[in-house]
Amino acid sequence: MPFYQGLNYGGSEWTPQFIKEIDQELCIGCGRCVKVCSQAALGFGNLNDDEDADRMQSKIDQKENCIGCMACGKTCVKRAISFEAKAI
């Protein structure tokens, strides 16, 4: 199955890895991924944890805006974001 491919500045082939999901068990709500996303694909959401205290977590807001740069995953200290290549 063929996947979307592009070329980097040096001319090498590159396969974008698009955001698949955010593991809510791992996410600590630091917001680094939201801040680094230039396409506004990520946002914040409230999550009620076991102690009934509201806390913020990252969530996928507009998956269709993701360009596959993986910047969010590179800034995630907990590695809570998973990616996948998109088939053509």
C-alpha atoms as a PDB file:
ATOM      1  CA  MET A   1       0.000   0.000   0.000  1.00  0.00           C
ATOM      2  CA  PRO A   2       1.524   3.365  -1.016  1.00  0.00           C
ATOM      3  CA  PHE A   3       1.784   6.197   1.503  1.00  0.00           C
ATOM      4  CA  TYR A   4       1.977   9.957   1.107  1.00  0.00           C
ATOM      5  CA  GLN A   5       5.582  10.925   0.416  1.00  0.00           C
ATOM      6  CA  GLY A   6       7.388  14.180   0.071  1.00  0.00           C
ATOM      7  CA  LEU A   7      10.902  15.496  -0.342  1.00  0.00           C
ATOM      8  CA  ASN A   8      12.906  17.303   2.289  1.00  0.00           C
ATOM      9  CA  TYR A   9      15.026  20.343   1.461  1.00  0.00           C
ATOM     10  CA  GLY A  10      17.976  18.134   0.541  1.00  0.00           C
ATOM     11  CA  GLY A  11      15.880  16.113  -1.908  1.00  0.00           C
ATOM     12  CA  SER A  12      15.577  12.942   0.172  1.00  0.00           C
ATOM     13  CA  GLU A  13      12.230  11.180   0.321  1.00  0.00           C
ATOM     14  CA  TRP A  14      10.242  11.663   3.495  1.00  0.00           C
ATOM     15  CA  THR A  15       7.048   9.951   4.688  1.00  0.00           C
ATOM     16  CA  PRO A  16       4.971  12.213   6.951  1.00  0.00           C
ATOM     17  CA  GLN A  17       3.720  10.569  10.142  1.00  0.00           C
ATOM     18  CA  PHE A  18       0.294  11.946  11.065  1.00  0.00           C
ATOM     19  CA  ILE A  19      -1.075  12.071  14.595  1.00  0.00           C
ATOM     20  CA  LYS A  20      -3.003   8.938  15.490  1.00  0.00           C
ATOM     21  CA  GLU A  21      -3.880   9.350  19.167  1.00  0.00           C
ATOM     22  CA  ILE A  22      -2.829  10.762  22.512  1.00  0.00           C
ATOM     23  CA  ASP A  23      -2.538   8.258  25.334  1.00  0.00           C
ATOM     24  CA  GLN A  24      -4.516   9.926  28.124  1.00  0.00           C
ATOM     25  CA  GLU A  25      -2.876   7.649  30.700  1.00  0.00           C
ATOM     26  CA  LEU A  26       0.546   9.082  29.830  1.00  0.00           C
ATOM     27  CA  CYS A  27      -0.368  12.721  29.106  1.00  0.00           C
ATOM     28  CA  ILE A  28       0.464  15.052  32.009  1.00  0.00           C
ATOM     29  CA  GLY A  29      -1.145  18.142  30.459  1.00  0.00           C
ATOM     30  CA  CYS A  30       2.046  20.193  30.162  1.00  0.00           C
ATOM     31  CA  GLY A  31       0.850  21.723  26.871  1.00  0.00           C
ATOM     32  CA  ARG A  32       4.153  21.563  25.029  1.00  0.00           C
ATOM     33  CA  CYS A  33       2.576  19.717  22.112  1.00  0.00           C
ATOM     34  CA  VAL A  34      -0.245  22.256  21.835  1.00  0.00           C
ATOM     35  CA  LYS A  35       2.191  25.176  21.816  1.00  0.00           C
ATOM     36  CA  VAL A  36       4.488  23.681  19.170  1.00  0.00           C
ATOM     37  CA  CYS A  37       1.718  22.680  16.715  1.00  0.00           C
ATOM     38  CA  SER A  38       1.749  25.306  13.967  1.00  0.00           C
ATOM     39  CA  GLN A  39      -1.484  23.960  12.445  1.00  0.00           C
ATOM     40  CA  ALA A  40      -3.742  24.063  15.555  1.00  0.00           C
ATOM     41  CA  ALA A  41      -4.412  20.328  15.336  1.00  0.00           C
ATOM     42  CA  LEU A  42      -4.123  19.969  19.126  1.00  0.00           C
ATOM     43  CA  GLY A  43      -5.876  21.660  22.035  1.00  0.00           C
ATOM     44  CA  PHE A  44      -6.695  21.268  25.716  1.00  0.00           C
ATOM     45  CA  GLY A  45      -9.544  19.440  27.372  1.00  0.00           C
ATOM     46  CA  ASN A  46     -10.669  18.839  30.959  1.00  0.00           C
ATOM     47  CA  LEU A  47     -10.313  15.398  32.414  1.00  0.00           C
ATOM     48  CA  ASN A  48     -11.798  14.235  35.693  1.00  0.00           C
ATOM     49  CA  ASP A  49      -9.263  11.996  37.336  1.00  0.00           C
ATOM     50  CA  ASP A  50      -9.905   9.587  40.208  1.00  0.00           C
ATOM     51  CA  GLU A  51      -9.769  12.333  42.836  1.00  0.00           C
ATOM     52  CA  ASP A  52     -12.531  14.354  41.115  1.00  0.00           C
ATOM     53  CA  ALA A  53     -10.141  17.229  40.533  1.00  0.00           C
ATOM     54  CA  ASP A  54     -10.337  18.824  37.121  1.00  0.00           C
ATOM     55  CA  ARG A  55      -7.088  18.752  35.242  1.00  0.00           C
ATOM     56  CA  MET A  56      -6.154  19.695  31.729  1.00  0.00           C
ATOM     57  CA  GLN A  57      -4.899  17.252  29.130  1.00  0.00           C
ATOM     58  CA  SER A  58      -3.919  17.585  25.526  1.00  0.00           C
ATOM     59  CA  LYS A  59      -6.402  16.364  22.955  1.00  0.00           C
ATOM     60  CA  ILE A  60      -6.717  16.161  19.208  1.00  0.00           C
ATOM     61  CA  ASP A  61      -8.847  19.132  18.143  1.00  0.00           C
ATOM     62  CA  GLN A  62      -8.655  19.120  14.371  1.00  0.00           C
ATOM     63  CA  LYS A  63      -6.935  15.988  13.118  1.00  0.00           C
ATOM     64  CA  GLU A  64      -7.489  17.086   9.529  1.00  0.00           C
ATOM     65  CA  ASN A  65      -5.073  20.011  10.116  1.00  0.00           C
ATOM     66  CA  CYS A  66      -2.122  17.728  10.924  1.00  0.00           C
ATOM     67  CA  ILE A  67       0.673  18.002   8.336  1.00  0.00           C
ATOM     68  CA  GLY A  68       2.722  15.067   9.649  1.00  0.00           C
ATOM     69  CA  CYS A  69       5.721  16.996  10.972  1.00  0.00           C
ATOM     70  CA  MET A  70       5.724  15.130  14.326  1.00  0.00           C
ATOM     71  CA  ALA A  71       6.836  18.265  16.213  1.00  0.00           C
ATOM     72  CA  CYS A  72       4.282  17.515  18.926  1.00  0.00           C
ATOM     73  CA  GLY A  73       5.707  14.052  19.503  1.00  0.00           C
ATOM     74  CA  LYS A  74       9.251  15.344  19.642  1.00  0.00           C
ATOM     75  CA  THR A  75       8.358  17.757  22.452  1.00  0.00           C
ATOM     76  CA  CYS A  76       6.286  15.270  24.467  1.00  0.00           C
ATOM     77  CA  VAL A  77       8.359  14.252  27.504  1.00  0.00           C
ATOM     78  CA  LYS A  78       6.058  11.281  28.207  1.00  0.00           C
ATOM     79  CA  ARG A  79       5.914  10.034  24.589  1.00  0.00           C
ATOM     80  CA  ALA A  80       2.122  10.002  24.836  1.00  0.00           C
ATOM     81  CA  ILE A  81       1.484  10.750  21.146  1.00  0.00           C
ATOM     82  CA  SER A  82       1.424   8.028  18.519  1.00  0.00           C
ATOM     83  CA  PHE A  83       1.662   8.506  14.765  1.00  0.00           C
ATOM     84  CA  GLU A  84       0.924   6.662  11.548  1.00  0.00           C
ATOM     85  CA  ALA A  85       1.610   7.114   7.857  1.00  0.00           C
ATOM     86  CA  LYS A  86      -1.436   7.861   5.729  1.00  0.00           C
ATOM     87  CA  ALA A  87      -2.223   5.686   2.745  1.00  0.00           C
ATOM     88  CA  ILE A  88      -2.924   7.358  -0.577  1.00  0.00           C
END
